[in-house]
PDB file of all heavy atoms in Angstrom:
ATOM      1  N   ALA A   1       0.790  -1.147  -0.018  1.00  0.00           N
ATOM      2  CA  ALA A   1       0.004   0.045  -0.021  1.00  0.00           C
ATOM      3  C   ALA A   1       0.855   1.198   0.105  1.00  0.00           C
ATOM      4  O   ALA A   1       1.817   1.242   0.814  1.00  0.00           O
ATOM      5  CB  ALA A   1      -0.908  -0.025   1.196  1.00  0.00           C
ATOM      6  N   ARG A   2       0.527   2.279  -0.824  1.00  0.00           N
ATOM      7  CA  ARG A   2       1.344   3.449  -0.891  1.00  0.00           C
ATOM      8  C   ARG A   2       0.822   4.526  -0.028  1.00  0.00           C
ATOM      9  O   ARG A   2       1.555   5.459   0.372  1.00  0.00           O
ATOM     10  CB  ARG A   2       1.407   3.894  -2.316  1.00  0.00           C
ATOM     11  CG  ARG A   2       1.977   2.934  -3.332  1.00  0.00           C
ATOM     12  CD  ARG A   2       2.229   3.571  -4.705  1.00  0.00           C
ATOM     13  NE  ARG A   2       0.971   3.999  -5.232  1.00  0.00           N
ATOM     14  CZ  ARG A   2       0.161   3.159  -5.980  1.00  0.00           C
ATOM     15  NH1 ARG A   2       0.426   1.983  -6.157  1.00  0.00           N
ATOM     16  NH2 ARG A   2      -1.025   3.647  -6.468  1.00  0.00           N
ATOM     17  N   ASP A   3      -0.458   4.440   0.394  1.00  0.00           N
ATOM     18  CA  ASP A   3      -0.989   5.477   1.352  1.00  0.00           C
ATOM     19  C   ASP A   3      -2.163   4.783   2.006  1.00  0.00           C
ATOM     20  O   ASP A   3      -2.645   3.708   1.684  1.00  0.00           O
ATOM     21  CB  ASP A   3      -1.410   6.717   0.572  1.00  0.00           C
ATOM     22  CG  ASP A   3      -2.328   6.467  -0.679  1.00  0.00           C
ATOM     23  OD1 ASP A   3      -3.320   5.720  -0.464  1.00  0.00           O
ATOM     24  OD2 ASP A   3      -2.110   7.007  -1.713  1.00  0.00           O
ATOM     25  N   PHE A   4      -2.735   5.532   2.972  1.00  0.00           N
ATOM     26  CA  PHE A   4      -3.863   4.964   3.775  1.00  0.00           C
ATOM     27  C   PHE A   4      -5.075   4.733   2.941  1.00  0.00           C
ATOM     28  O   PHE A   4      -5.987   3.923   3.282  1.00  0.00           O
ATOM     29  CB  PHE A   4      -4.081   5.789   4.995  1.00  0.00           C
ATOM     30  CG  PHE A   4      -2.957   5.816   5.988  1.00  0.00           C
ATOM     31  CD1 PHE A   4      -2.326   6.998   6.379  1.00  0.00           C
ATOM     32  CD2 PHE A   4      -2.592   4.569   6.614  1.00  0.00           C
ATOM     33  CE1 PHE A   4      -1.332   6.902   7.200  1.00  0.00           C
ATOM     34  CE2 PHE A   4      -1.662   4.602   7.610  1.00  0.00           C
ATOM     35  CZ  PHE A   4      -0.847   5.829   7.903  1.00  0.00           C
ATOM     36  N   ALA A   5      -5.279   5.462   1.847  1.00  0.00           N
ATOM     37  CA  ALA A   5      -6.430   5.315   0.955  1.00  0.00           C
ATOM     38  C   ALA A   5      -6.395   4.016   0.295  1.00  0.00           C
ATOM     39  O   ALA A   5      -7.360   3.490  -0.103  1.00  0.00           O
ATOM     40  CB  ALA A   5      -6.530   6.387  -0.119  1.00  0.00           C
ATOM     41  N   GLN A   6      -5.262   3.321   0.221  1.00  0.00           N
ATOM     42  CA  GLN A   6      -5.248   1.952  -0.430  1.00  0.00           C
ATOM     43  C   GLN A   6      -5.455   0.908   0.684  1.00  0.00           C
ATOM     44  O   GLN A   6      -5.462  -0.278   0.365  1.00  0.00           O
ATOM     45  CB  GLN A   6      -3.871   1.740  -1.102  1.00  0.00           C
ATOM     46  CG  GLN A   6      -3.757   2.588  -2.327  1.00  0.00           C
ATOM     47  CD  GLN A   6      -2.595   2.209  -3.148  1.00  0.00           C
ATOM     48  OE1 GLN A   6      -1.483   1.824  -2.661  1.00  0.00           O
ATOM     49  NE2 GLN A   6      -2.720   2.347  -4.436  1.00  0.00           N
ATOM     50  N   VAL A   7      -5.474   1.238   2.030  1.00  0.00           N
ATOM     51  CA  VAL A   7      -5.893   0.454   3.062  1.00  0.00           C
ATOM     52  C   VAL A   7      -7.365   0.311   3.160  1.00  0.00           C
ATOM     53  O   VAL A   7      -8.029  -0.714   3.307  1.00  0.00           O
ATOM     54  CB  VAL A   7      -5.188   0.783   4.271  1.00  0.00           C
ATOM     55  CG1 VAL A   7      -5.631  -0.177   5.459  1.00  0.00           C
ATOM     56  CG2 VAL A   7      -3.662   0.838   4.218  1.00  0.00           C
ATOM     57  N   SER A   8      -8.005   1.600   3.189  1.00  0.00           N
ATOM     58  CA  SER A   8      -9.478   1.639   3.389  1.00  0.00           C
ATOM     59  C   SER A   8      -9.911   2.865   2.634  1.00  0.00           C
ATOM     60  O   SER A   8      -9.330   3.878   2.619  1.00  0.00           O
ATOM     61  CB  SER A   8      -9.738   1.764   4.909  1.00  0.00           C
ATOM     62  OG  SER A   8     -11.076   1.911   5.065  1.00  0.00           O
ATOM     63  N   GLY A   9     -11.202   2.614   2.097  1.00  0.00           N
ATOM     64  CA  GLY A   9     -11.926   3.720   1.452  1.00  0.00           C
ATOM     65  C   GLY A   9     -12.780   4.417   2.480  1.00  0.00           C
ATOM     66  O   GLY A   9     -13.482   5.450   2.118  1.00  0.00           O
ATOM     67  N   ASP A  10     -12.897   3.984   3.671  1.00  0.00           N
ATOM     68  CA  ASP A  10     -13.778   4.685   4.753  1.00  0.00           C
ATOM     69  C   ASP A  10     -12.939   5.876   5.294  1.00  0.00           C
ATOM     70  O   ASP A  10     -11.968   5.771   5.868  1.00  0.00           O
ATOM     71  CB  ASP A  10     -13.925   3.688   5.837  1.00  0.00           C
ATOM     72  CG  ASP A  10     -14.936   4.205   6.904  1.00  0.00           C
ATOM     73  OD1 ASP A  10     -14.960   5.388   7.057  1.00  0.00           O
ATOM     74  OD2 ASP A  10     -15.635   3.323   7.434  1.00  0.00           O
ATOM     75  N   PRO A  11     -13.498   7.103   5.048  1.00  0.00           N
ATOM     76  CA  PRO A  11     -12.805   8.228   5.493  1.00  0.00           C
ATOM     77  C   PRO A  11     -12.416   8.258   6.987  1.00  0.00           C
ATOM     78  O   PRO A  11     -11.369   8.720   7.321  1.00  0.00           O
ATOM     79  CB  PRO A  11     -13.849   9.437   5.277  1.00  0.00           C
ATOM     80  CG  PRO A  11     -14.735   8.957   4.118  1.00  0.00           C
ATOM     81  CD  PRO A  11     -14.830   7.423   4.353  1.00  0.00           C
ATOM     82  N   ARG A  12     -13.389   7.697   7.791  1.00  0.00           N
ATOM     83  CA  ARG A  12     -13.105   7.602   9.260  1.00  0.00           C
ATOM     84  C   ARG A  12     -11.793   6.839   9.579  1.00  0.00           C
ATOM     85  O   ARG A  12     -10.970   7.117  10.273  1.00  0.00           O
ATOM     86  CB  ARG A  12     -14.291   7.128  10.058  1.00  0.00           C
ATOM     87  CG  ARG A  12     -14.075   7.115  11.544  1.00  0.00           C
ATOM     88  CD  ARG A  12     -15.275   6.377  12.281  1.00  0.00           C
ATOM     89  NE  ARG A  12     -15.123   6.390  13.664  1.00  0.00           N
ATOM     90  CZ  ARG A  12     -15.739   5.760  14.554  1.00  0.00           C
ATOM     91  NH1 ARG A  12     -16.769   4.849  14.173  1.00  0.00           N
ATOM     92  NH2 ARG A  12     -15.614   5.731  15.796  1.00  0.00           N
ATOM     93  N   VAL A  13     -11.805   5.698   8.870  1.00  0.00           N
ATOM     94  CA  VAL A  13     -10.651   4.742   9.103  1.00  0.00           C
ATOM     95  C   VAL A  13      -9.293   5.417   8.610  1.00  0.00           C
ATOM     96  O   VAL A  13      -8.351   5.448   9.256  1.00  0.00           O
ATOM     97  CB  VAL A  13     -10.787   3.370   8.375  1.00  0.00           C
ATOM     98  CG1 VAL A  13      -9.551   2.600   8.372  1.00  0.00           C
ATOM     99  CG2 VAL A  13     -12.007   2.623   9.022  1.00  0.00           C
ATOM    100  N   ARG A  14      -9.402   5.942   7.400  1.00  0.00           N
ATOM    101  CA  ARG A  14      -8.170   6.702   6.872  1.00  0.00           C
ATOM    102  C   ARG A  14      -7.697   7.750   7.764  1.00  0.00           C
ATOM    103  O   ARG A  14      -6.459   7.907   7.983  1.00  0.00           O
ATOM    104  CB  ARG A  14      -8.503   7.254   5.396  1.00  0.00           C
ATOM    105  CG  ARG A  14      -8.711   6.243   4.380  1.00  0.00           C
ATOM    106  CD  ARG A  14      -8.509   6.833   2.974  1.00  0.00           C
ATOM    107  NE  ARG A  14      -9.179   8.108   2.823  1.00  0.00           N
ATOM    108  CZ  ARG A  14     -10.421   8.317   2.247  1.00  0.00           C
ATOM    109  NH1 ARG A  14     -11.076   7.165   1.979  1.00  0.00           N
ATOM    110  NH2 ARG A  14     -11.031   9.362   2.168  1.00  0.00           N
ATOM    111  N   GLU A  15      -8.535   8.570   8.198  1.00  0.00           N
ATOM    112  CA  GLU A  15      -8.176   9.712   9.052  1.00  0.00           C
ATOM    113  C   GLU A  15      -7.680   9.285  10.432  1.00  0.00           C
ATOM    114  O   GLU A  15      -6.729   9.777  10.915  1.00  0.00           O
ATOM    115  CB  GLU A  15      -9.410  10.670   9.223  1.00  0.00           C
ATOM    116  CG  GLU A  15      -9.822  11.338   7.968  1.00  0.00           C
ATOM    117  CD  GLU A  15     -11.203  12.033   8.065  1.00  0.00           C
ATOM    118  OE1 GLU A  15     -11.650  12.133   9.228  1.00  0.00           O
ATOM    119  OE2 GLU A  15     -11.733  12.511   7.066  1.00  0.00           O
ATOM    120  N   ALA A  16      -8.269   8.193  10.926  1.00  0.00           N
ATOM    121  CA  ALA A  16      -7.759   7.645  12.225  1.00  0.00           C
ATOM    122  C   ALA A  16      -6.403   7.143  12.074  1.00  0.00           C
ATOM    123  O   ALA A  16      -5.486   7.309  12.944  1.00  0.00           O
ATOM    124  CB  ALA A  16      -8.779   6.723  12.721  1.00  0.00           C
ATOM    125  N   LEU A  17      -6.113   6.376  10.997  1.00  0.00           N
ATOM    126  CA  LEU A  17      -4.800   5.785  10.814  1.00  0.00           C
ATOM    127  C   LEU A  17      -3.757   6.986  10.565  1.00  0.00           C
ATOM    128  O   LEU A  17      -2.695   6.805  11.083  1.00  0.00           O
ATOM    129  CB  LEU A  17      -4.834   4.876   9.594  1.00  0.00           C
ATOM    130  CG  LEU A  17      -5.677   3.614   9.690  1.00  0.00           C
ATOM    131  CD1 LEU A  17      -5.576   2.819   8.387  1.00  0.00           C
ATOM    132  CD2 LEU A  17      -5.258   2.775  10.874  1.00  0.00           C
ATOM    133  N   ALA A  18      -4.048   7.884   9.713  1.00  0.00           N
ATOM    134  CA  ALA A  18      -3.157   8.908   9.402  1.00  0.00           C
ATOM    135  C   ALA A  18      -2.867   9.851  10.613  1.00  0.00           C
ATOM    136  O   ALA A  18      -1.761  10.357  10.809  1.00  0.00           O
ATOM    137  CB  ALA A  18      -3.712   9.938   8.337  1.00  0.00           C
ATOM    138  N   ASP A  19      -3.907   9.914  11.689  1.00  0.00           N
ATOM    139  CA  ASP A  19      -3.687  10.663  12.889  1.00  0.00           C
ATOM    140  C   ASP A  19      -2.691   9.958  13.782  1.00  0.00           C
ATOM    141  O   ASP A  19      -2.076  10.492  14.627  1.00  0.00           O
ATOM    142  CB  ASP A  19      -5.045  10.809  13.540  1.00  0.00           C
ATOM    143  CG  ASP A  19      -4.930  11.594  14.868  1.00  0.00           C
ATOM    144  OD1 ASP A  19      -4.377  12.701  14.812  1.00  0.00           O
ATOM    145  OD2 ASP A  19      -5.290  11.039  15.837  1.00  0.00           O
ATOM    146  N   ARG A  20      -2.487   8.558  13.614  1.00  0.00           N
ATOM    147  CA  ARG A  20      -1.727   7.894  14.607  1.00  0.00           C
ATOM    148  C   ARG A  20      -0.480   7.284  14.054  1.00  0.00           C
ATOM    149  O   ARG A  20       0.461   7.152  14.846  1.00  0.00           O
ATOM    150  CB  ARG A  20      -2.635   6.552  15.096  1.00  0.00           C
ATOM    151  CG  ARG A  20      -3.745   7.043  15.997  1.00  0.00           C
ATOM    152  CD  ARG A  20      -4.666   5.862  16.265  1.00  0.00           C
ATOM    153  NE  ARG A  20      -5.709   6.175  17.213  1.00  0.00           N
ATOM    154  CZ  ARG A  20      -6.764   6.975  17.092  1.00  0.00           C
ATOM    155  NH1 ARG A  20      -6.969   7.522  15.887  1.00  0.00           N
ATOM    156  NH2 ARG A  20      -7.666   7.135  18.135  1.00  0.00           N
ATOM    157  N   TYR A  21      -0.415   7.057  12.740  1.00  0.00           N
ATOM    158  CA  TYR A  21       0.854   6.517  12.163  1.00  0.00           C
ATOM    159  C   TYR A  21       1.544   7.434  11.303  1.00  0.00           C
ATOM    160  O   TYR A  21       0.906   8.161  10.456  1.00  0.00           O
ATOM    161  CB  TYR A  21       0.461   5.197  11.349  1.00  0.00           C
ATOM    162  CG  TYR A  21       0.063   4.078  12.307  1.00  0.00           C
ATOM    163  CD1 TYR A  21      -1.354   4.016  12.554  1.00  0.00           C
ATOM    164  CD2 TYR A  21       0.872   3.249  12.895  1.00  0.00           C
ATOM    165  CE1 TYR A  21      -1.865   2.884  13.488  1.00  0.00           C
ATOM    166  CE2 TYR A  21       0.480   2.179  13.674  1.00  0.00           C
ATOM    167  CZ  TYR A  21      -0.990   2.091  13.952  1.00  0.00           C
ATOM    168  OH  TYR A  21      -1.283   1.099  14.817  1.00  0.00           O
ATOM    169  N   ARG A  22       2.775   7.594  11.253  1.00  0.00           N
ATOM    170  CA  ARG A  22       3.572   8.507  10.515  1.00  0.00           C
ATOM    171  C   ARG A  22       3.286   8.310   9.010  1.00  0.00           C
ATOM    172  O   ARG A  22       3.280   9.238   8.305  1.00  0.00           O
ATOM    173  CB  ARG A  22       5.083   8.332  10.890  1.00  0.00           C
ATOM    174  CG  ARG A  22       6.036   9.277  10.157  1.00  0.00           C
ATOM    175  CD  ARG A  22       7.345   9.174  10.642  1.00  0.00           C
ATOM    176  NE  ARG A  22       7.880   7.830  10.572  1.00  0.00           N
ATOM    177  CZ  ARG A  22       8.937   7.244  11.085  1.00  0.00           C
ATOM    178  NH1 ARG A  22       9.819   8.155  11.802  1.00  0.00           N
ATOM    179  NH2 ARG A  22       9.295   6.044  10.996  1.00  0.00           N
ATOM    180  N   SER A  23       3.206   7.046   8.620  1.00  0.00           N
ATOM    181  CA  SER A  23       3.123   6.685   7.308  1.00  0.00           C
ATOM    182  C   SER A  23       2.496   5.342   7.172  1.00  0.00           C
ATOM    183  O   SER A  23       2.500   4.646   8.119  1.00  0.00           O
ATOM    184  CB  SER A  23       4.348   6.772   6.438  1.00  0.00           C
ATOM    185  OG  SER A  23       5.192   5.730   6.694  1.00  0.00           O
ATOM    186  N   VAL A  24       2.014   5.012   5.962  1.00  0.00           N
ATOM    187  CA  VAL A  24       1.406   3.626   5.859  1.00  0.00           C
ATOM    188  C   VAL A  24       2.489   2.482   6.087  1.00  0.00           C
ATOM    189  O   VAL A  24       2.188   1.363   6.452  1.00  0.00           O
ATOM    190  CB  VAL A  24       0.811   3.403   4.412  1.00  0.00           C
ATOM    191  CG1 VAL A  24       1.792   3.417   3.319  1.00  0.00           C
ATOM    192  CG2 VAL A  24      -0.173   2.195   4.380  1.00  0.00           C
ATOM    193  N   ASP A  25       3.796   2.902   5.880  1.00  0.00           N
ATOM    194  CA  ASP A  25       4.804   1.846   6.104  1.00  0.00           C
ATOM    195  C   ASP A  25       5.134   1.611   7.579  1.00  0.00           C
ATOM    196  O   ASP A  25       5.665   0.614   8.040  1.00  0.00           O
ATOM    197  CB  ASP A  25       6.122   2.306   5.478  1.00  0.00           C
ATOM    198  CG  ASP A  25       6.116   2.169   3.978  1.00  0.00           C
ATOM    199  OD1 ASP A  25       5.436   1.112   3.411  1.00  0.00           O
ATOM    200  OD2 ASP A  25       6.572   3.046   3.200  1.00  0.00           O
ATOM    201  N   ASP A  26       4.533   2.510   8.446  1.00  0.00           N
ATOM    202  CA  ASP A  26       4.587   2.267   9.909  1.00  0.00           C
ATOM    203  C   ASP A  26       3.423   1.539  10.458  1.00  0.00           C
ATOM    204  O   ASP A  26       3.424   1.146  11.637  1.00  0.00           O
ATOM    205  CB  ASP A  26       4.743   3.685  10.544  1.00  0.00           C
ATOM    206  CG  ASP A  26       6.044   4.392  10.276  1.00  0.00           C
ATOM    207  OD1 ASP A  26       7.052   3.863  10.478  1.00  0.00           O
ATOM    208  OD2 ASP A  26       5.925   5.555   9.845  1.00  0.00           O
ATOM    209  N   LEU A  27       2.405   1.310   9.656  1.00  0.00           N
ATOM    210  CA  LEU A  27       1.116   0.658  10.123  1.00  0.00           C
ATOM    211  C   LEU A  27       1.481  -0.746  10.517  1.00  0.00           C
ATOM    212  O   LEU A  27       2.173  -1.508   9.760  1.00  0.00           O
ATOM    213  CB  LEU A  27       0.145   0.651   8.992  1.00  0.00           C
ATOM    214  CG  LEU A  27      -1.216   0.040   9.207  1.00  0.00           C
ATOM    215  CD1 LEU A  27      -1.945   0.693  10.352  1.00  0.00           C
ATOM    216  CD2 LEU A  27      -2.119   0.003   7.956  1.00  0.00           C
ATOM    217  N   GLU A  28       1.077  -1.175  11.738  1.00  0.00           N
ATOM    218  CA  GLU A  28       1.386  -2.429  12.185  1.00  0.00           C
ATOM    219  C   GLU A  28       0.426  -3.542  11.643  1.00  0.00           C
ATOM    220  O   GLU A  28      -0.738  -3.177  11.313  1.00  0.00           O
ATOM    221  CB  GLU A  28       1.516  -2.514  13.740  1.00  0.00           C
ATOM    222  CG  GLU A  28       0.258  -2.029  14.364  1.00  0.00           C
ATOM    223  CD  GLU A  28       0.507  -1.493  15.802  1.00  0.00           C
ATOM    224  OE1 GLU A  28       1.073  -2.291  16.605  1.00  0.00           O
ATOM    225  OE2 GLU A  28       0.245  -0.396  16.077  1.00  0.00           O
ATOM    226  N   LEU A  29       0.819  -4.754  11.624  1.00  0.00           N
ATOM    227  CA  LEU A  29       0.048  -5.898  11.073  1.00  0.00           C
ATOM    228  C   LEU A  29      -1.301  -5.931  11.670  1.00  0.00           C
ATOM    229  O   LEU A  29      -2.347  -6.076  11.003  1.00  0.00           O
ATOM    230  CB  LEU A  29       0.830  -7.163  11.118  1.00  0.00           C
ATOM    231  CG  LEU A  29      -0.052  -8.374  10.713  1.00  0.00           C
ATOM    232  CD1 LEU A  29      -0.240  -8.251   9.183  1.00  0.00           C
ATOM    233  CD2 LEU A  29       0.698  -9.827  11.130  1.00  0.00           C
ATOM    234  N   TYR A  30      -1.447  -6.061  13.027  1.00  0.00           N
ATOM    235  CA  TYR A  30      -2.669  -6.277  13.620  1.00  0.00           C
ATOM    236  C   TYR A  30      -3.665  -5.250  13.301  1.00  0.00           C
ATOM    237  O   TYR A  30      -4.851  -5.528  13.073  1.00  0.00           O
ATOM    238  CB  TYR A  30      -2.430  -6.266  15.190  1.00  0.00           C
ATOM    239  CG  TYR A  30      -3.687  -6.796  15.961  1.00  0.00           C
ATOM    240  CD1 TYR A  30      -4.081  -8.185  15.784  1.00  0.00           C
ATOM    241  CD2 TYR A  30      -4.484  -5.906  16.647  1.00  0.00           C
ATOM    242  CE1 TYR A  30      -5.250  -8.525  16.469  1.00  0.00           C
ATOM    243  CE2 TYR A  30      -5.585  -6.398  17.314  1.00  0.00           C
ATOM    244  CZ  TYR A  30      -6.022  -7.679  17.274  1.00  0.00           C
ATOM    245  OH  TYR A  30      -7.158  -8.099  17.894  1.00  0.00           O
ATOM    246  N   VAL A  31      -3.303  -4.017  13.352  1.00  0.00           N
ATOM    247  CA  VAL A  31      -4.216  -2.973  13.044  1.00  0.00           C
ATOM    248  C   VAL A  31      -4.490  -2.970  11.505  1.00  0.00           C
ATOM    249  O   VAL A  31      -5.767  -2.811  11.067  1.00  0.00           O
ATOM    250  CB  VAL A  31      -3.642  -1.473  13.282  1.00  0.00           C
ATOM    251  CG1 VAL A  31      -4.574  -0.454  12.861  1.00  0.00           C
ATOM    252  CG2 VAL A  31      -3.557  -1.455  14.927  1.00  0.00           C
ATOM    253  N   GLY A  32      -3.583  -3.113  10.666  1.00  0.00           N
ATOM    254  CA  GLY A  32      -3.773  -3.104   9.169  1.00  0.00           C
ATOM    255  C   GLY A  32      -4.707  -4.218   8.718  1.00  0.00           C
ATOM    256  O   GLY A  32      -5.562  -4.070   7.790  1.00  0.00           O
ATOM    257  N   LEU A  33      -4.584  -5.378   9.432  1.00  0.00           N
ATOM    258  CA  LEU A  33      -5.461  -6.440   8.958  1.00  0.00           C
ATOM    259  C   LEU A  33      -6.941  -6.137   9.149  1.00  0.00           C
ATOM    260  O   LEU A  33      -7.736  -6.489   8.238  1.00  0.00           O
ATOM    261  CB  LEU A  33      -5.138  -7.687   9.937  1.00  0.00           C
ATOM    262  CG  LEU A  33      -3.952  -8.521   9.539  1.00  0.00           C
ATOM    263  CD1 LEU A  33      -3.736  -9.386  10.742  1.00  0.00           C
ATOM    264  CD2 LEU A  33      -4.083  -9.350   8.268  1.00  0.00           C
TER     265      LEU A  33
END
């Protein structure tokens, strides 16, 4: 995934991930799943 939009199309999910993780490459497995 190149950005959080490729993880989820749900705006609430994208914004919450972007608020907590520096980038999509920092996203941990358990949350990303």
